[in-house]
Amino acid sequence: MKIGDLVYQTRAPGGLCLILKVFETPMQNPTGKGWVLNDYPILRILHPTEMIIEDPSYYYMTIEDRKYVEEQSRLVGDIKIRRPEDGEDR
């Protein structure tokens, strides 16, 4: 993910966001806001309702990844489970 990319926020409230800045290490982020090393990279995001925020990158996925997840979810939703004892699909 890089500056200018559109990404999908996977936590609430969700939605499409624009990456404004990427902080790869704590040394690049003077505000800190209590982030631990495992939170990096931190993204500065423009969100439609939250406005400009900073968030760990693990809450975001690329548009291509989001499309893939939706496709896989739809395929799994189409699978019918058959129980041998009743011979019916659930």
Protein backbone atom coordinates (compact mmCIF):
# COMPACT_ATOMS: atom_id res chain seq x y z
CA MET A 1 0.00 0.00 0.00
CA LYS A 2 1.28 3.42 -0.90
CA ILE A 3 0.28 7.08 -0.84
CA GLY A 4 -2.66 7.72 -3.15
CA ASP A 5 -4.03 4.16 -3.06
CA LEU A 6 -7.72 3.53 -2.42
CA VAL A 7 -8.10 0.88 0.28
CA TYR A 8 -11.00 -0.76 2.09
CA GLN A 9 -11.31 -0.36 5.88
CA THR A 10 -12.08 -3.78 7.37
CA ARG A 11 -13.04 -2.53 10.83
CA ALA A 12 -16.15 -0.52 11.70
CA PRO A 13 -17.38 1.71 10.18
CA GLY A 14 -15.70 0.30 7.04
CA GLY A 15 -15.69 1.79 3.59
CA LEU A 16 -13.29 3.09 0.98
CA CYS A 17 -10.42 5.29 2.12
CA LEU A 18 -7.52 7.17 0.56
CA ILE A 19 -3.98 6.71 1.90
CA LEU A 20 -2.42 10.12 2.61
CA LYS A 21 0.82 9.00 4.28
CA VAL A 22 2.54 5.78 5.36
CA PHE A 23 4.64 5.63 8.55
CA GLU A 24 6.88 2.56 8.25
CA THR A 25 8.63 2.97 11.61
CA PRO A 26 8.02 4.82 14.90
CA MET A 27 10.85 7.23 14.04
CA GLN A 28 8.80 8.52 11.06
CA ASN A 29 5.72 9.19 13.20
CA PRO A 30 6.34 11.98 15.72
CA THR A 31 2.79 11.88 17.12
CA GLY A 32 3.18 8.23 18.13
CA LYS A 33 -0.31 7.97 19.70
CA GLY A 34 0.74 4.89 21.66
CA TRP A 35 1.36 2.62 18.68
CA VAL A 36 3.53 -0.42 19.40
CA LEU A 37 6.06 -1.79 16.95
CA ASN A 38 3.67 -4.52 15.77
CA ASP A 39 1.16 -1.84 14.68
CA TYR A 40 3.47 -0.50 11.97
CA PRO A 41 3.14 0.46 9.23
CA ILE A 42 0.65 3.11 10.34
CA LEU A 43 -1.49 4.72 7.63
CA ARG A 44 -2.79 8.27 7.62
CA ILE A 45 -6.16 7.83 5.96
CA LEU A 46 -8.88 10.06 4.57
CA HIS A 47 -12.15 8.32 5.52
CA PRO A 48 -15.60 9.52 4.37
CA THR A 49 -17.01 9.77 7.91
CA GLU A 50 -14.00 9.61 10.25
CA MET A 51 -12.15 12.26 8.19
CA ILE A 52 -8.32 12.18 8.57
CA ILE A 53 -7.18 9.46 10.96
CA GLU A 54 -4.10 7.35 11.65
CA ASP A 55 -4.61 3.61 11.90
CA PRO A 56 -2.55 0.39 11.74
CA SER A 57 -2.36 -1.00 8.22
CA TYR A 58 -3.79 -4.36 9.33
CA TYR A 59 -7.25 -2.75 9.33
CA TYR A 60 -7.06 -2.14 5.56
CA MET A 61 -6.97 -4.18 2.38
CA THR A 62 -6.47 -3.29 -1.24
CA ILE A 63 -9.49 -3.08 -3.53
CA GLU A 64 -8.21 -6.17 -5.40
CA ASP A 65 -7.97 -8.14 -2.13
CA ARG A 66 -11.47 -7.01 -1.16
CA LYS A 67 -12.87 -8.21 -4.50
CA TYR A 68 -11.14 -11.57 -4.00
CA VAL A 69 -12.56 -11.97 -0.47
CA GLU A 70 -16.07 -11.12 -1.69
CA GLU A 71 -15.77 -13.64 -4.53
CA GLN A 72 -14.54 -16.38 -2.18
CA SER A 73 -17.30 -15.59 0.33
CA ARG A 74 -19.92 -15.86 -2.41
CA LEU A 75 -18.50 -19.21 -3.54
CA VAL A 76 -18.54 -20.57 0.01
CA GLY A 77 -22.10 -19.31 0.43
CA ASP A 78 -23.14 -21.35 -2.62
CA ILE A 79 -21.91 -24.63 -1.10
CA LYS A 80 -24.70 -26.89 0.11
CA ILE A 81 -24.07 -29.19 3.05
CA ARG A 82 -25.65 -32.60 2.80
CA ARG A 83 -26.17 -34.76 5.86
CA PRO A 84 -26.17 -38.45 4.98
CA GLU A 85 -28.68 -39.31 7.71
CA ASP A 86 -31.46 -37.14 6.30
CA GLY A 87 -30.47 -36.93 2.66
CA GLU A 88 -31.31 -33.22 2.55
CA ASP A 89 -29.30 -30.14 1.79
CA ARG A 90 -28.98 -27.48 4.49
